[in-house]
Amino acid sequence: MKILVTGGTGYIGSHTVVELQAKGYDVVIVDNLSNSSVGVVDNIKKITGIKPFFEKFDLTDSERTSEFFRLNNDLGAIVHFAAYKAVGESVEFPLKYYYNNLVSLINILVGMKENNLQDIVFSSSCTVYGQPEILPAHEDTPIQKALSPYGNTKQISEEIITDTSVTTDIHAILLRYFNPIGAHDSAIIGELPIGVPNCLMPYITQTAIGKHPFLRVWGNDYNTPDGTAIRDYLHVVDLAKAHVIAVERMLNKKTKKKVEIFNLGTGNGFSVMEVIKSFERSTGVKLNYQIMERRPGDVEKVWADTEYANKEMGWKAEKTLDEMTYSAWQWELALDAKSKEIGDRK
């Protein structure tokens, strides 16, 4: 069975490719490498022994995307990750986010419809909830106004998929995940953003290794126990396994309606300061950080009600926060060692 993974050289995508290959699926990756490296394809092979098929192109290119689907009309399912994902950047460049995230999805759905492909697992986000009035957020929690263009693209994408399913044979599972962190146990793949990280964990590890003079903590005046924002952090491998379960749920015709929605998280909320303390505790490395003004678009606090995913999908996050932060550090150390090795060769 052949599975398309868009954005498959990215952080979550690459870990999901590893888990799909471990289950025996043939994986095709499409990625424009805007926030990743083609070297990830070889790194996946180092872990699994199998090099996934890779095509580099931009899914906003309607003609190229249409051609791809014509030549790959035997796909069993599609897992769609490819999207810009930085909340702060989306506030600064909204058109960039609306164009990339929405046009790419529309082109994929058109390709699916034209080639009679039915199953798509969509990478959604807890940002669709905005700032929920009641926590934890569950799948039926009322959707609030998105606090960032990024969050809005996820809300609109869910609406596009749902509306499309009404008049086509397309079925979808929308996975609303919270904040993935950590890296594969091999430390061969992990989160490697281009430029200064927008996400907390790579910012922490890069600061600890000396790439940044200090970690910026965006706000300490939120209505939370320690004043810093609260998120539900889950390990990226736990998250990747959920995508495999979702794919198999669709392929085995176990879905109960055309569009299903699942929250993916641990069910626990951790503040920025708690993540910093976990990192220091699990690694023994002290962090230099400074409190900054709040960052536009950030939600104050959100964490998941995961009961439905736990029972209906048979999935549950397993890693503790300390295990997550420790694995992220091992990945950063591996990157640093590789960089020094390359430097020595020169």
C-alpha atoms as a PDB file:
ATOM      1  CA  MET A   1       0.000   0.000   0.000  1.00  0.00           C
ATOM      2  CA  LYS A   2       1.405   3.375  -1.052  1.00  0.00           C
ATOM      3  CA  ILE A   3       0.917   6.388   1.222  1.00  0.00           C
ATOM      4  CA  LEU A   4       1.591  10.006   0.253  1.00  0.00           C
ATOM      5  CA  VAL A   5       3.069  12.158   3.012  1.00  0.00           C
ATOM      6  CA  THR A   6       3.173  15.851   2.110  1.00  0.00           C
ATOM      7  CA  GLY A   7       5.758  17.777   4.087  1.00  0.00           C
ATOM      8  CA  GLY A   8       7.399  14.439   4.793  1.00  0.00           C
ATOM      9  CA  THR A   9      10.898  15.861   5.295  1.00  0.00           C
ATOM     10  CA  GLY A  10       9.585  18.174   8.010  1.00  0.00           C
ATOM     11  CA  TYR A  11       9.580  17.564  11.732  1.00  0.00           C
ATOM     12  CA  ILE A  12       6.349  15.641  12.286  1.00  0.00           C
ATOM     13  CA  GLY A  13       6.259  14.358   8.720  1.00  0.00           C
ATOM     14  CA  SER A  14       9.636  12.628   8.905  1.00  0.00           C
ATOM     15  CA  HIS A  15       8.765  10.865  12.148  1.00  0.00           C
ATOM     16  CA  THR A  16       5.481   9.732  10.635  1.00  0.00           C
ATOM     17  CA  VAL A  17       7.264   8.362   7.555  1.00  0.00           C
ATOM     18  CA  VAL A  18       9.458   6.277   9.881  1.00  0.00           C
ATOM     19  CA  GLU A  19       6.412   4.866  11.673  1.00  0.00           C
ATOM     20  CA  LEU A  20       4.570   4.152   8.405  1.00  0.00           C
ATOM     21  CA  GLN A  21       7.581   2.314   7.014  1.00  0.00           C
ATOM     22  CA  ALA A  22       7.852   0.328  10.236  1.00  0.00           C
ATOM     23  CA  LYS A  23       4.322  -0.894   9.519  1.00  0.00           C
ATOM     24  CA  GLY A  24       5.267  -1.977   5.999  1.00  0.00           C
ATOM     25  CA  TYR A  25       3.826   0.891   3.945  1.00  0.00           C
ATOM     26  CA  ASP A  26       5.513   2.300   0.851  1.00  0.00           C
ATOM     27  CA  VAL A  27       5.846   6.044   1.383  1.00  0.00           C
ATOM     28  CA  VAL A  28       5.991   8.813  -1.182  1.00  0.00           C
ATOM     29  CA  ILE A  29       7.135  12.204   0.114  1.00  0.00           C
ATOM     30  CA  VAL A  30       6.284  15.507  -1.537  1.00  0.00           C
ATOM     31  CA  ASP A  31       7.998  18.546  -0.034  1.00  0.00           C
ATOM     32  CA  ASN A  32       9.256  21.887  -1.328  1.00  0.00           C
ATOM     33  CA  LEU A  33      12.023  21.954   1.331  1.00  0.00           C
ATOM     34  CA  SER A  34      11.033  25.467   2.438  1.00  0.00           C
ATOM     35  CA  ASN A  35      11.651  24.568   6.079  1.00  0.00           C
ATOM     36  CA  SER A  36      13.561  21.302   5.865  1.00  0.00           C
ATOM     37  CA  SER A  37      16.430  19.527   4.124  1.00  0.00           C
ATOM     38  CA  VAL A  38      16.547  16.782   1.524  1.00  0.00           C
ATOM     39  CA  GLY A  39      19.111  15.078   3.763  1.00  0.00           C
ATOM     40  CA  VAL A  40      16.204  13.988   5.954  1.00  0.00           C
ATOM     41  CA  VAL A  41      15.319  11.394   3.296  1.00  0.00           C
ATOM     42  CA  ASP A  42      18.679   9.684   3.814  1.00  0.00           C
ATOM     43  CA  ASN A  43      18.304   9.984   7.586  1.00  0.00           C
ATOM     44  CA  ILE A  44      14.979   8.168   7.391  1.00  0.00           C
ATOM     45  CA  LYS A  45      16.770   5.379   5.507  1.00  0.00           C
ATOM     46  CA  LYS A  46      19.396   5.187   8.280  1.00  0.00           C
ATOM     47  CA  ILE A  47      16.627   4.425  10.762  1.00  0.00           C
ATOM     48  CA  THR A  48      14.387   2.132   8.710  1.00  0.00           C
ATOM     49  CA  GLY A  49      16.715   0.714   6.050  1.00  0.00           C
ATOM     50  CA  ILE A  50      14.276   1.966   3.412  1.00  0.00           C
ATOM     51  CA  LYS A  51      14.645   5.162   1.414  1.00  0.00           C
ATOM     52  CA  PRO A  52      11.228   6.696   0.752  1.00  0.00           C
ATOM     53  CA  PHE A  53      10.460   7.962  -2.735  1.00  0.00           C
ATOM     54  CA  PHE A  54      10.862  11.755  -2.775  1.00  0.00           C
ATOM     55  CA  GLU A  55       9.620  14.455  -5.127  1.00  0.00           C
ATOM     56  CA  LYS A  56      10.448  18.104  -4.647  1.00  0.00           C
ATOM     57  CA  PHE A  57       7.769  20.543  -5.746  1.00  0.00           C
ATOM     58  CA  ASP A  58       5.384  23.115  -4.326  1.00  0.00           C
ATOM     59  CA  LEU A  59       1.804  21.968  -3.805  1.00  0.00           C
ATOM     60  CA  THR A  60       0.550  25.485  -4.549  1.00  0.00           C
ATOM     61  CA  ASP A  61       1.537  24.747  -8.158  1.00  0.00           C
ATOM     62  CA  SER A  62      -1.786  23.428  -9.437  1.00  0.00           C
ATOM     63  CA  GLU A  63      -0.447  21.995 -12.708  1.00  0.00           C
ATOM     64  CA  ARG A  64       2.435  20.136 -11.037  1.00  0.00           C
ATOM     65  CA  THR A  65       0.157  18.828  -8.300  1.00  0.00           C
ATOM     66  CA  SER A  66      -2.432  17.666 -10.844  1.00  0.00           C
ATOM     67  CA  GLU A  67       0.284  15.875 -12.822  1.00  0.00           C
ATOM     68  CA  PHE A  68       1.562  14.164  -9.674  1.00  0.00           C
ATOM     69  CA  PHE A  69      -1.871  12.784  -8.848  1.00  0.00           C
ATOM     70  CA  ARG A  70      -2.415  11.555 -12.417  1.00  0.00           C
ATOM     71  CA  LEU A  71       0.830   9.580 -12.175  1.00  0.00           C
ATOM     72  CA  ASN A  72       0.102   8.350  -8.625  1.00  0.00           C
ATOM     73  CA  ASN A  73      -3.580   7.493  -8.792  1.00  0.00           C
ATOM     74  CA  ASP A  74      -2.980   4.262  -6.860  1.00  0.00           C
ATOM     75  CA  LEU A  75      -2.349   5.985  -3.525  1.00  0.00           C
ATOM     76  CA  GLY A  76      -3.986   4.240  -0.588  1.00  0.00           C
ATOM     77  CA  ALA A  77      -4.153   7.357   1.576  1.00  0.00           C
ATOM     78  CA  ILE A  78      -2.725  10.837   1.973  1.00  0.00           C
ATOM     79  CA  VAL A  79      -1.270  12.366   5.137  1.00  0.00           C
ATOM     80  CA  HIS A  80      -1.137  16.125   4.641  1.00  0.00           C
ATOM     81  CA  PHE A  81       1.410  18.034   6.742  1.00  0.00           C
ATOM     82  CA  ALA A  82       2.764  20.546   4.230  1.00  0.00           C
ATOM     83  CA  ALA A  83       1.992  24.009   5.605  1.00  0.00           C
ATOM     84  CA  TYR A  84       3.607  27.023   7.208  1.00  0.00           C
ATOM     85  CA  LYS A  85       3.182  26.746  10.959  1.00  0.00           C
ATOM     86  CA  ALA A  86       4.668  29.689  12.900  1.00  0.00           C
ATOM     87  CA  VAL A  87       2.049  31.688  14.810  1.00  0.00           C
ATOM     88  CA  GLY A  88       4.141  34.855  15.140  1.00  0.00           C
ATOM     89  CA  GLU A  89       5.268  34.830  11.526  1.00  0.00           C
ATOM     90  CA  SER A  90       1.682  34.397  10.366  1.00  0.00           C
ATOM     91  CA  VAL A  91       0.703  37.604  12.155  1.00  0.00           C
ATOM     92  CA  GLU A  92       3.462  39.428  10.292  1.00  0.00           C
ATOM     93  CA  PHE A  93       2.869  37.782   6.893  1.00  0.00           C
ATOM     94  CA  PRO A  94      -0.804  36.751   6.735  1.00  0.00           C
ATOM     95  CA  LEU A  95      -1.051  36.513   2.932  1.00  0.00           C
ATOM     96  CA  LYS A  96       1.920  34.153   2.839  1.00  0.00           C
ATOM     97  CA  TYR A  97       0.067  31.824   5.209  1.00  0.00           C
ATOM     98  CA  TYR A  98      -3.349  32.036   3.588  1.00  0.00           C
ATOM     99  CA  TYR A  99      -1.940  31.409   0.123  1.00  0.00           C
ATOM    100  CA  ASN A 100       0.373  28.544   1.007  1.00  0.00           C
ATOM    101  CA  ASN A 101      -1.779  26.669   3.508  1.00  0.00           C
ATOM    102  CA  LEU A 102      -5.110  26.958   1.689  1.00  0.00           C
ATOM    103  CA  VAL A 103      -4.108  26.732  -1.978  1.00  0.00           C
ATOM    104  CA  SER A 104      -1.981  23.630  -1.350  1.00  0.00           C
ATOM    105  CA  LEU A 105      -4.895  21.902   0.398  1.00  0.00           C
ATOM    106  CA  ILE A 106      -7.333  22.827  -2.379  1.00  0.00           C
ATOM    107  CA  ASN A 107      -4.959  21.452  -5.032  1.00  0.00           C
ATOM    108  CA  ILE A 108      -4.656  18.182  -3.116  1.00  0.00           C
ATOM    109  CA  LEU A 109      -8.425  17.817  -2.780  1.00  0.00           C
ATOM    110  CA  VAL A 110      -8.880  18.541  -6.478  1.00  0.00           C
ATOM    111  CA  GLY A 111      -6.278  15.887  -7.282  1.00  0.00           C
ATOM    112  CA  MET A 112      -8.036  13.410  -5.010  1.00  0.00           C
ATOM    113  CA  LYS A 113     -11.424  14.084  -6.596  1.00  0.00           C
ATOM    114  CA  GLU A 114     -10.129  13.816 -10.152  1.00  0.00           C
ATOM    115  CA  ASN A 115      -8.392  10.502  -9.447  1.00  0.00           C
ATOM    116  CA  ASN A 116     -11.002   8.881  -7.204  1.00  0.00           C
ATOM    117  CA  LEU A 117      -8.811   8.929  -4.105  1.00  0.00           C
ATOM    118  CA  GLN A 118     -10.832   8.837  -0.906  1.00  0.00           C
ATOM    119  CA  ASP A 119      -8.780   9.002   2.278  1.00  0.00           C
ATOM    120  CA  ILE A 120      -6.898  11.936   3.763  1.00  0.00           C
ATOM    121  CA  VAL A 121      -5.492  12.473   7.246  1.00  0.00           C
ATOM    122  CA  PHE A 122      -5.168  16.196   7.848  1.00  0.00           C
ATOM    123  CA  SER A 123      -2.653  17.837  10.138  1.00  0.00           C
ATOM    124  CA  SER A 124      -4.835  20.232  12.102  1.00  0.00           C
ATOM    125  CA  SER A 125      -4.042  22.016  15.341  1.00  0.00           C
ATOM    126  CA  CYS A 126      -5.296  23.027  18.749  1.00  0.00           C
ATOM    127  CA  THR A 127      -5.112  26.593  17.439  1.00  0.00           C
ATOM    128  CA  VAL A 128      -8.536  25.989  15.867  1.00  0.00           C
ATOM    129  CA  TYR A 129     -10.018  26.373  19.363  1.00  0.00           C
ATOM    130  CA  GLY A 130      -8.665  29.914  19.780  1.00  0.00           C
ATOM    131  CA  GLN A 131      -8.761  30.580  23.520  1.00  0.00           C
ATOM    132  CA  PRO A 132     -11.334  28.054  24.774  1.00  0.00           C
ATOM    133  CA  GLU A 133     -13.740  29.302  27.435  1.00  0.00           C
ATOM    134  CA  ILE A 134     -13.634  25.926  29.190  1.00  0.00           C
ATOM    135  CA  LEU A 135     -10.598  23.672  29.586  1.00  0.00           C
ATOM    136  CA  PRO A 136      -9.577  21.027  28.768  1.00  0.00           C
ATOM    137  CA  ALA A 137     -10.631  21.400  25.130  1.00  0.00           C
ATOM    138  CA  HIS A 138     -12.527  18.444  23.679  1.00  0.00           C
ATOM    139  CA  GLU A 139     -13.583  17.810  20.097  1.00  0.00           C
ATOM    140  CA  ASP A 140     -16.992  19.448  20.611  1.00  0.00           C
ATOM    141  CA  THR A 141     -15.592  22.552  22.315  1.00  0.00           C
ATOM    142  CA  PRO A 142     -17.022  25.631  20.540  1.00  0.00           C
ATOM    143  CA  ILE A 143     -14.565  27.111  18.075  1.00  0.00           C
ATOM    144  CA  GLN A 144     -13.529  30.636  19.073  1.00  0.00           C
ATOM    145  CA  LYS A 145     -12.143  33.299  16.765  1.00  0.00           C
ATOM    146  CA  ALA A 146      -8.621  32.340  15.757  1.00  0.00           C
ATOM    147  CA  LEU A 147      -5.939  34.489  17.370  1.00  0.00           C
ATOM    148  CA  SER A 148      -3.561  34.249  14.408  1.00  0.00           C
ATOM    149  CA  PRO A 149      -3.710  33.822  10.628  1.00  0.00           C
ATOM    150  CA  TYR A 150      -2.037  30.428  11.114  1.00  0.00           C
ATOM    151  CA  GLY A 151      -4.833  29.305  13.412  1.00  0.00           C
ATOM    152  CA  ASN A 152      -7.380  30.671  10.983  1.00  0.00           C
ATOM    153  CA  THR A 153      -5.876  28.674   8.101  1.00  0.00           C
ATOM    154  CA  LYS A 154      -6.430  25.521  10.155  1.00  0.00           C
ATOM    155  CA  GLN A 155     -10.034  26.508  10.903  1.00  0.00           C
ATOM    156  CA  ILE A 156     -10.700  27.267   7.231  1.00  0.00           C
ATOM    157  CA  SER A 157      -8.908  24.094   6.095  1.00  0.00           C
ATOM    158  CA  GLU A 158     -11.150  21.978   8.298  1.00  0.00           C
ATOM    159  CA  GLU A 159     -14.189  23.725   6.790  1.00  0.00           C
ATOM    160  CA  ILE A 160     -12.896  23.178   3.239  1.00  0.00           C
ATOM    161  CA  ILE A 161     -12.379  19.459   3.867  1.00  0.00           C
ATOM    162  CA  THR A 162     -15.754  19.060   5.573  1.00  0.00           C
ATOM    163  CA  ASP A 163     -17.630  20.893   2.810  1.00  0.00           C
ATOM    164  CA  THR A 164     -15.788  18.906   0.117  1.00  0.00           C
ATOM    165  CA  SER A 165     -16.692  15.605   1.766  1.00  0.00           C
ATOM    166  CA  VAL A 166     -20.395  16.389   1.400  1.00  0.00           C
ATOM    167  CA  THR A 167     -20.343  16.322  -2.408  1.00  0.00           C
ATOM    168  CA  THR A 168     -17.479  13.862  -3.070  1.00  0.00           C
ATOM    169  CA  ASP A 169     -16.318  10.434  -1.912  1.00  0.00           C
ATOM    170  CA  ILE A 170     -13.523  11.994   0.110  1.00  0.00           C
ATOM    171  CA  HIS A 171     -13.254  10.844   3.722  1.00  0.00           C
ATOM    172  CA  ALA A 172     -11.045  12.607   6.260  1.00  0.00           C
ATOM    173  CA  ILE A 173      -9.653  12.349   9.744  1.00  0.00           C
ATOM    174  CA  LEU A 174      -8.741  15.736  11.205  1.00  0.00           C
ATOM    175  CA  LEU A 175      -6.066  15.383  13.886  1.00  0.00           C
ATOM    176  CA  ARG A 176      -6.033  18.403  16.164  1.00  0.00           C
ATOM    177  CA  TYR A 177      -2.738  18.094  17.893  1.00  0.00           C
ATOM    178  CA  PHE A 178      -1.326  20.204  20.579  1.00  0.00           C
ATOM    179  CA  ASN A 179       2.431  20.912  20.931  1.00  0.00           C
ATOM    180  CA  PRO A 180       4.789  18.199  19.668  1.00  0.00           C
ATOM    181  CA  ILE A 181       8.334  18.238  21.014  1.00  0.00           C
ATOM    182  CA  GLY A 182      11.234  15.809  21.356  1.00  0.00           C
ATOM    183  CA  ALA A 183      12.973  13.657  18.773  1.00  0.00           C
ATOM    184  CA  HIS A 184      13.409  10.081  17.624  1.00  0.00           C
ATOM    185  CA  ASP A 185      15.330   7.895  20.094  1.00  0.00           C
ATOM    186  CA  SER A 186      18.071   7.404  17.487  1.00  0.00           C
ATOM    187  CA  ALA A 187      18.723  11.189  17.441  1.00  0.00           C
ATOM    188  CA  ILE A 188      18.966  10.837  13.656  1.00  0.00           C
ATOM    189  CA  ILE A 189      15.860  12.926  12.963  1.00  0.00           C
ATOM    190  CA  GLY A 190      14.321  15.744  14.984  1.00  0.00           C
ATOM    191  CA  GLU A 191      13.142  19.330  14.806  1.00  0.00           C
ATOM    192  CA  LEU A 192      15.453  21.527  12.748  1.00  0.00           C
ATOM    193  CA  PRO A 193      13.799  24.840  11.873  1.00  0.00           C
ATOM    194  CA  ILE A 194      15.514  27.198   9.468  1.00  0.00           C
ATOM    195  CA  GLY A 195      16.476  30.460  11.207  1.00  0.00           C
ATOM    196  CA  VAL A 196      15.551  31.430  14.764  1.00  0.00           C
ATOM    197  CA  PRO A 197      12.982  28.910  16.042  1.00  0.00           C
ATOM    198  CA  ASN A 198       9.398  30.000  16.556  1.00  0.00           C
ATOM    199  CA  CYS A 199       8.650  26.947  18.693  1.00  0.00           C
ATOM    200  CA  LEU A 200       9.732  26.675  22.315  1.00  0.00           C
ATOM    201  CA  MET A 201      11.656  23.396  22.415  1.00  0.00           C
ATOM    202  CA  PRO A 202      14.185  23.952  19.609  1.00  0.00           C
ATOM    203  CA  TYR A 203      14.673  27.485  20.951  1.00  0.00           C
ATOM    204  CA  ILE A 204      15.528  25.974  24.340  1.00  0.00           C
ATOM    205  CA  THR A 205      17.972  23.400  22.974  1.00  0.00           C
ATOM    206  CA  GLN A 206      19.644  25.842  20.593  1.00  0.00           C
ATOM    207  CA  THR A 207      20.106  28.317  23.431  1.00  0.00           C
ATOM    208  CA  ALA A 208      21.523  25.604  25.676  1.00  0.00           C
ATOM    209  CA  ILE A 209      24.044  24.553  23.001  1.00  0.00           C
ATOM    210  CA  GLY A 210      25.145  28.170  22.527  1.00  0.00           C
ATOM    211  CA  LYS A 211      23.483  29.145  19.248  1.00  0.00           C
ATOM    212  CA  HIS A 212      21.539  31.966  20.925  1.00  0.00           C
ATOM    213  CA  PRO A 213      22.663  34.189  23.826  1.00  0.00           C
ATOM    214  CA  PHE A 214      19.408  33.687  25.716  1.00  0.00           C
ATOM    215  CA  LEU A 215      15.917  32.231  25.446  1.00  0.00           C
ATOM    216  CA  ARG A 216      13.085  34.696  24.994  1.00  0.00           C
ATOM    217  CA  VAL A 217      10.090  33.885  27.192  1.00  0.00           C
ATOM    218  CA  TRP A 218       7.127  35.633  25.609  1.00  0.00           C
ATOM    219  CA  GLY A 219       5.205  37.078  28.553  1.00  0.00           C
ATOM    220  CA  ASN A 220       4.987  36.303  32.276  1.00  0.00           C
ATOM    221  CA  ASP A 221       1.748  38.163  33.023  1.00  0.00           C
ATOM    222  CA  TYR A 222      -0.770  35.592  31.778  1.00  0.00           C
ATOM    223  CA  ASN A 223      -3.519  34.351  34.068  1.00  0.00           C
ATOM    224  CA  THR A 224      -1.629  31.148  34.882  1.00  0.00           C
ATOM    225  CA  PRO A 225       0.053  29.906  38.084  1.00  0.00           C
ATOM    226  CA  ASP A 226       3.507  31.228  37.121  1.00  0.00           C
ATOM    227  CA  GLY A 227       2.398  33.847  34.591  1.00  0.00           C
ATOM    228  CA  THR A 228       3.738  32.036  31.503  1.00  0.00           C
ATOM    229  CA  ALA A 229       1.606  30.493  28.770  1.00  0.00           C
ATOM    230  CA  ILE A 230       0.411  26.893  29.158  1.00  0.00           C
ATOM    231  CA  ARG A 231       0.383  24.237  26.444  1.00  0.00           C
ATOM    232  CA  ASP A 232      -0.147  20.488  26.160  1.00  0.00           C
ATOM    233  CA  TYR A 233       3.204  19.059  25.028  1.00  0.00           C
ATOM    234  CA  LEU A 234       3.413  15.568  23.538  1.00  0.00           C
ATOM    235  CA  HIS A 235       6.287  13.570  22.123  1.00  0.00           C
ATOM    236  CA  VAL A 236       6.599  13.639  18.343  1.00  0.00           C
ATOM    237  CA  VAL A 237       6.895   9.839  18.084  1.00  0.00           C
ATOM    238  CA  ASP A 238       3.669   9.396  20.059  1.00  0.00           C
ATOM    239  CA  LEU A 239       2.098  11.843  17.617  1.00  0.00           C
ATOM    240  CA  ALA A 240       3.518  10.046  14.568  1.00  0.00           C
ATOM    241  CA  LYS A 241       2.059   6.743  15.751  1.00  0.00           C
ATOM    242  CA  ALA A 242      -1.367   8.379  15.939  1.00  0.00           C
ATOM    243  CA  HIS A 243      -1.142   9.196  12.224  1.00  0.00           C
ATOM    244  CA  VAL A 244      -0.463   5.539  11.417  1.00  0.00           C
ATOM    245  CA  ILE A 245      -3.491   4.520  13.472  1.00  0.00           C
ATOM    246  CA  ALA A 246      -5.596   7.098  11.624  1.00  0.00           C
ATOM    247  CA  VAL A 247      -4.414   5.828   8.223  1.00  0.00           C
ATOM    248  CA  GLU A 248      -5.209   2.237   9.145  1.00  0.00           C
ATOM    249  CA  ARG A 249      -8.591   3.269  10.553  1.00  0.00           C
ATOM    250  CA  MET A 250      -9.457   4.680   7.129  1.00  0.00           C
ATOM    251  CA  LEU A 251      -7.974   1.848   5.060  1.00  0.00           C
ATOM    252  CA  ASN A 252      -9.796  -0.744   7.193  1.00  0.00           C
ATOM    253  CA  LYS A 253     -13.097   1.166   6.822  1.00  0.00           C
ATOM    254  CA  LYS A 254     -13.498   1.661  10.550  1.00  0.00           C
ATOM    255  CA  THR A 255     -14.440   5.333  10.413  1.00  0.00           C
ATOM    256  CA  LYS A 256     -17.931   6.104  11.701  1.00  0.00           C
ATOM    257  CA  LYS A 257     -18.567   9.205   9.585  1.00  0.00           C
ATOM    258  CA  LYS A 258     -17.027  10.906   6.571  1.00  0.00           C
ATOM    259  CA  VAL A 259     -15.092  13.418   8.648  1.00  0.00           C
ATOM    260  CA  GLU A 260     -13.795  12.432  12.077  1.00  0.00           C
ATOM    261  CA  ILE A 261     -11.981  14.716  14.512  1.00  0.00           C
ATOM    262  CA  PHE A 262      -9.562  13.698  17.258  1.00  0.00           C
ATOM    263  CA  ASN A 263      -7.550  15.671  19.800  1.00  0.00           C
ATOM    264  CA  LEU A 264      -3.977  14.472  20.238  1.00  0.00           C
ATOM    265  CA  GLY A 265      -2.214  15.483  23.434  1.00  0.00           C
ATOM    266  CA  THR A 266      -1.321  14.198  26.862  1.00  0.00           C
ATOM    267  CA  GLY A 267      -4.254  15.839  28.628  1.00  0.00           C
ATOM    268  CA  ASN A 268      -1.846  17.847  30.783  1.00  0.00           C
ATOM    269  CA  GLY A 269      -0.998  21.516  30.550  1.00  0.00           C
ATOM    270  CA  PHE A 270       2.571  22.667  31.212  1.00  0.00           C
ATOM    271  CA  SER A 271       3.723  26.276  31.405  1.00  0.00           C
ATOM    272  CA  VAL A 272       6.772  27.631  29.594  1.00  0.00           C
ATOM    273  CA  MET A 273       8.608  27.791  32.905  1.00  0.00           C
ATOM    274  CA  GLU A 274       7.702  24.189  33.702  1.00  0.00           C
ATOM    275  CA  VAL A 275       9.175  23.107  30.360  1.00  0.00           C
ATOM    276  CA  ILE A 276      12.348  25.083  31.118  1.00  0.00           C
ATOM    277  CA  LYS A 277      12.620  23.418  34.532  1.00  0.00           C
ATOM    278  CA  SER A 278      12.014  19.996  32.991  1.00  0.00           C
ATOM    279  CA  PHE A 279      14.807  20.596  30.486  1.00  0.00           C
ATOM    280  CA  GLU A 280      17.206  21.675  33.242  1.00  0.00           C
ATOM    281  CA  ARG A 281      16.198  18.687  35.364  1.00  0.00           C
ATOM    282  CA  SER A 282      16.446  16.046  32.626  1.00  0.00           C
ATOM    283  CA  THR A 283      19.725  17.320  31.126  1.00  0.00           C
ATOM    284  CA  GLY A 284      21.527  19.013  33.994  1.00  0.00           C
ATOM    285  CA  VAL A 285      22.004  22.099  31.803  1.00  0.00           C
ATOM    286  CA  LYS A 286      21.056  25.554  33.115  1.00  0.00           C
ATOM    287  CA  LEU A 287      19.277  27.899  30.721  1.00  0.00           C
ATOM    288  CA  ASN A 288      19.772  31.616  30.309  1.00  0.00           C
ATOM    289  CA  TYR A 289      16.390  33.198  29.607  1.00  0.00           C
ATOM    290  CA  GLN A 290      14.823  36.645  29.597  1.00  0.00           C
ATOM    291  CA  ILE A 291      11.203  37.685  29.966  1.00  0.00           C
ATOM    292  CA  MET A 292       9.862  39.609  26.978  1.00  0.00           C
ATOM    293  CA  GLU A 293       6.549  41.238  26.092  1.00  0.00           C
ATOM    294  CA  ARG A 294       3.765  38.931  25.004  1.00  0.00           C
ATOM    295  CA  ARG A 295       3.996  37.733  21.410  1.00  0.00           C
ATOM    296  CA  PRO A 296       1.043  38.653  19.165  1.00  0.00           C
ATOM    297  CA  GLY A 297      -1.238  35.720  18.348  1.00  0.00           C
ATOM    298  CA  ASP A 298      -0.302  33.496  21.292  1.00  0.00           C
ATOM    299  CA  VAL A 299      -3.081  31.774  23.230  1.00  0.00           C
ATOM    300  CA  GLU A 300      -2.878  32.100  27.009  1.00  0.00           C
ATOM    301  CA  LYS A 301      -3.553  28.466  27.922  1.00  0.00           C
ATOM    302  CA  VAL A 302      -4.860  25.351  26.243  1.00  0.00           C
ATOM    303  CA  TRP A 303      -4.652  21.629  26.833  1.00  0.00           C
ATOM    304  CA  ALA A 304      -6.521  18.627  25.511  1.00  0.00           C
ATOM    305  CA  ASP A 305      -9.286  16.338  26.576  1.00  0.00           C
ATOM    306  CA  THR A 306      -7.948  13.164  24.960  1.00  0.00           C
ATOM    307  CA  GLU A 307     -10.579  10.679  26.144  1.00  0.00           C
ATOM    308  CA  TYR A 308     -12.192  10.287  22.711  1.00  0.00           C
ATOM    309  CA  ALA A 309      -8.883   9.577  20.941  1.00  0.00           C
ATOM    310  CA  ASN A 310      -7.840   7.233  23.735  1.00  0.00           C
ATOM    311  CA  LYS A 311     -11.037   5.168  23.518  1.00  0.00           C
ATOM    312  CA  GLU A 312     -12.054   5.407  19.864  1.00  0.00           C
ATOM    313  CA  MET A 313      -8.604   5.272  18.232  1.00  0.00           C
ATOM    314  CA  GLY A 314      -6.935   3.170  20.889  1.00  0.00           C
ATOM    315  CA  TRP A 315      -4.127   5.731  21.035  1.00  0.00           C
ATOM    316  CA  LYS A 316      -2.519   7.292  24.075  1.00  0.00           C
ATOM    317  CA  ALA A 317       0.542   9.520  24.517  1.00  0.00           C
ATOM    318  CA  GLU A 318       3.164   7.638  26.538  1.00  0.00           C
ATOM    319  CA  LYS A 319       6.227   9.852  27.032  1.00  0.00           C
ATOM    320  CA  THR A 320       6.658  12.070  30.109  1.00  0.00           C
ATOM    321  CA  LEU A 321       7.691  15.723  29.869  1.00  0.00           C
ATOM    322  CA  ASP A 322      11.194  14.917  31.135  1.00  0.00           C
ATOM    323  CA  GLU A 323      11.558  12.186  28.487  1.00  0.00           C
ATOM    324  CA  MET A 324      10.458  14.671  25.830  1.00  0.00           C
ATOM    325  CA  THR A 325      12.900  17.403  26.835  1.00  0.00           C
ATOM    326  CA  TYR A 326      15.744  14.912  27.244  1.00  0.00           C
ATOM    327  CA  SER A 327      15.211  13.465  23.750  1.00  0.00           C
ATOM    328  CA  ALA A 328      15.189  16.976  22.268  1.00  0.00           C
ATOM    329  CA  TRP A 329      18.557  17.624  23.913  1.00  0.00           C
ATOM    330  CA  GLN A 330      20.038  14.367  22.592  1.00  0.00           C
ATOM    331  CA  TRP A 331      18.996  15.466  19.095  1.00  0.00           C
ATOM    332  CA  GLU A 332      20.649  18.875  19.578  1.00  0.00           C
ATOM    333  CA  LEU A 333      23.848  17.223  20.827  1.00  0.00           C
ATOM    334  CA  ALA A 334      23.851  14.918  17.801  1.00  0.00           C
ATOM    335  CA  LEU A 335      23.466  17.910  15.474  1.00  0.00           C
ATOM    336  CA  ASP A 336      26.330  19.682  17.227  1.00  0.00           C
ATOM    337  CA  ALA A 337      28.597  16.631  16.990  1.00  0.00           C
ATOM    338  CA  LYS A 338      27.830  16.256  13.283  1.00  0.00           C
ATOM    339  CA  SER A 339      28.534  19.947  12.683  1.00  0.00           C
ATOM    340  CA  LYS A 340      31.896  19.696  14.424  1.00  0.00           C
ATOM    341  CA  GLU A 341      32.759  16.544  12.452  1.00  0.00           C
ATOM    342  CA  ILE A 342      32.074  18.357   9.182  1.00  0.00           C
ATOM    343  CA  GLY A 343      34.157  21.289  10.416  1.00  0.00           C
ATOM    344  CA  ASP A 344      37.068  19.011  11.253  1.00  0.00           C
ATOM    345  CA  ARG A 345      36.983  17.502   7.755  1.00  0.00           C
ATOM    346  CA  LYS A 346      37.314  20.974   6.258  1.00  0.00           C
END
